[in-house]
C-alpha atoms as a PDB file:
ATOM      1  CA  MET A   1     143.547  79.300 110.353  1.00  0.00           C
ATOM      2  CA  GLY A   2     144.498  81.027 107.527  1.00  0.00           C
ATOM      3  CA  LEU A   3     146.318  83.608 109.032  1.00  0.00           C
ATOM      4  CA  ILE A   4     148.135  81.996 110.702  1.00  0.00           C
ATOM      5  CA  GLN A   5     148.885  80.168 107.789  1.00  0.00           C
ATOM      6  CA  ARG A   6     150.531  83.547 105.456  1.00  0.00           C
ATOM      7  CA  GLU A   7     152.394  84.131 109.459  1.00  0.00           C
ATOM      8  CA  MET A   8     154.220  81.137 108.037  1.00  0.00           C
ATOM      9  CA  GLU A   9     154.791  80.981 104.241  1.00  0.00           C
ATOM     10  CA  GLU A  10     156.036  84.182 104.626  1.00  0.00           C
ATOM     11  CA  LYS A  11     159.221  82.683 106.946  1.00  0.00           C
ATOM     12  CA  GLY A  12     159.305  79.834 104.184  1.00  0.00           C
ATOM     13  CA  ILE A  13     156.704  77.600 105.428  1.00  0.00           C
ATOM     14  CA  ARG A  14     154.370  76.375 102.686  1.00  0.00           C
ATOM     15  CA  THR A  15     150.828  75.497 103.999  1.00  0.00           C
ATOM     16  CA  VAL A  16     147.963  73.750 102.854  1.00  0.00           C
ATOM     17  CA  SER A  17     144.260  74.308 103.709  1.00  0.00           C
ATOM     18  CA  LEU A  18     141.934  70.747 103.431  1.00  0.00           C
ATOM     19  CA  MET A  19     138.135  72.370 103.570  1.00  0.00           C
ATOM     20  CA  ASN A  20     134.586  71.025 103.195  1.00  0.00           C
ATOM     21  CA  LEU A  21     133.686  74.694 103.222  1.00  0.00           C
ATOM     22  CA  PRO A  22     134.165  76.062 100.307  1.00  0.00           C
ATOM     23  CA  ASN A  23     132.227  79.825 100.876  1.00  0.00           C
ATOM     24  CA  ILE A  24     134.637  79.568 104.195  1.00  0.00           C
ATOM     25  CA  GLY A  25     137.490  79.218 102.289  1.00  0.00           C
ATOM     26  CA  LYS A  26     136.860  82.375  99.758  1.00  0.00           C
ATOM     27  CA  ILE A  27     136.705  84.092 103.385  1.00  0.00           C
ATOM     28  CA  VAL A  28     139.673  82.904 104.728  1.00  0.00           C
ATOM     29  CA  ARG A  29     141.806  83.210 101.408  1.00  0.00           C
ATOM     30  CA  PRO A  30     145.022  80.525 102.537  1.00  0.00           C
ATOM     31  CA  PRO A  31     147.306  80.460 100.313  1.00  0.00           C
ATOM     32  CA  ARG A  32     146.385  76.819  99.110  1.00  0.00           C
ATOM     33  CA  ILE A  33     142.875  75.306  99.893  1.00  0.00           C
ATOM     34  CA  ILE A  34     141.836  71.278  98.782  1.00  0.00           C
ATOM     35  CA  GLN A  35     138.564  71.805  99.040  1.00  0.00           C
ATOM     36  CA  VAL A  36     137.741  67.299  99.750  1.00  0.00           C
ATOM     37  CA  ASN A  37     134.248  66.661  98.787  1.00  0.00           C
ATOM     38  CA  TYR A  38     132.715  64.845 102.169  1.00  0.00           C
ATOM     39  CA  SER A  39     130.904  65.857 104.446  1.00  0.00           C
ATOM     40  CA  LEU A  40     131.870  67.889 108.215  1.00  0.00           C
ATOM     41  CA  GLY A  41     134.206  66.169 110.346  1.00  0.00           C
ATOM     42  CA  THR A  42     134.882  63.745 107.694  1.00  0.00           C
ATOM     43  CA  ILE A  43     137.766  65.642 105.971  1.00  0.00           C
ATOM     44  CA  PHE A  44     139.798  62.416 104.861  1.00  0.00           C
ATOM     45  CA  GLY A  45     137.108  60.287 104.325  1.00  0.00           C
ATOM     46  CA  HIS A  46     135.325  58.049 106.242  1.00  0.00           C
ATOM     47  CA  ALA A  47     136.401  55.833 109.214  1.00  0.00           C
ATOM     48  CA  GLY A  48     137.862  53.009 108.286  1.00  0.00           C
ATOM     49  CA  ASP A  49     138.048  54.126 105.311  1.00  0.00           C
ATOM     50  CA  ARG A  50     142.176  53.297 104.457  1.00  0.00           C
ATOM     51  CA  ASP A  51     142.665  54.565 100.932  1.00  0.00           C
ATOM     52  CA  THR A  52     140.589  57.669 100.483  1.00  0.00           C
ATOM     53  CA  GLN A  53     142.155  59.160 103.281  1.00  0.00           C
ATOM     54  CA  THR A  54     146.033  57.546 102.319  1.00  0.00           C
ATOM     55  CA  ALA A  55     144.979  59.621  99.121  1.00  0.00           C
ATOM     56  CA  ILE A  56     143.686  62.556 100.326  1.00  0.00           C
ATOM     57  CA  LEU A  57     146.286  62.900 102.429  1.00  0.00           C
ATOM     58  CA  LYS A  58     149.060  62.139  99.138  1.00  0.00           C
ATOM     59  CA  LYS A  59     146.892  65.056  97.749  1.00  0.00           C
ATOM     60  CA  ALA A  60     147.660  67.306  99.804  1.00  0.00           C
ATOM     61  CA  ILE A  61     151.596  66.755 100.434  1.00  0.00           C
ATOM     62  CA  GLU A  62     152.300  66.672  96.127  1.00  0.00           C
ATOM     63  CA  VAL A  63     150.418  70.420  96.639  1.00  0.00           C
ATOM     64  CA  ALA A  64     152.520  71.179  98.656  1.00  0.00           C
ATOM     65  CA  LEU A  65     155.216  70.030  97.259  1.00  0.00           C
ATOM     66  CA  THR A  66     154.635  71.076  93.943  1.00  0.00           C
ATOM     67  CA  GLY A  67     153.188  75.391  95.666  1.00  0.00           C
ATOM     68  CA  GLU A  68     150.510  75.066  93.725  1.00  0.00           C
ATOM     69  CA  THR A  69     148.845  78.391  94.710  1.00  0.00           C
ATOM     70  CA  GLU A  70     145.163  77.454  93.270  1.00  0.00           C
ATOM     71  CA  SER A  71     142.526  79.313  95.677  1.00  0.00           C
ATOM     72  CA  LEU A  72     140.375  76.952  95.227  1.00  0.00           C
ATOM     73  CA  LEU A  73     141.648  72.848  93.729  1.00  0.00           C
ATOM     74  CA  VAL A  74     138.009  70.747  95.023  1.00  0.00           C
ATOM     75  CA  TYR A  75     139.812  66.697  95.588  1.00  0.00           C
ATOM     76  CA  ASP A  76     137.653  64.428  94.832  1.00  0.00           C
ATOM     77  CA  PRO A  77     139.249  60.799  95.840  1.00  0.00           C
ATOM     78  CA  ALA A  78     136.784  58.671  94.159  1.00  0.00           C
ATOM     79  CA  LYS A  79     137.517  60.938  91.102  1.00  0.00           C
ATOM     80  CA  GLU A  80     140.612  60.155  91.332  1.00  0.00           C
ATOM     81  CA  GLY A  81     140.350  56.278  92.000  1.00  0.00           C
ATOM     82  CA  ASN A  82     142.048  56.495  94.965  1.00  0.00           C
ATOM     83  CA  GLU A  83     145.233  56.224  94.369  1.00  0.00           C
END
């Protein structure tokens, strides 16, 4: 995915990766990574948890819009109050 993201970024399209395996993110190094503190298969939170899923999606959109380029942004929706 990181290779595709870099190509898209070169064409002016901002991208964001949601990951729960930070070691993989450090190897692939896409421009923007949000590390979500959930287990594999639950990158947007647990099934039916609409508030958390919405909070994670809003965070990804915020990072894409601002162009934040930290290599690893750790995001824990529980600490953000699921806004």
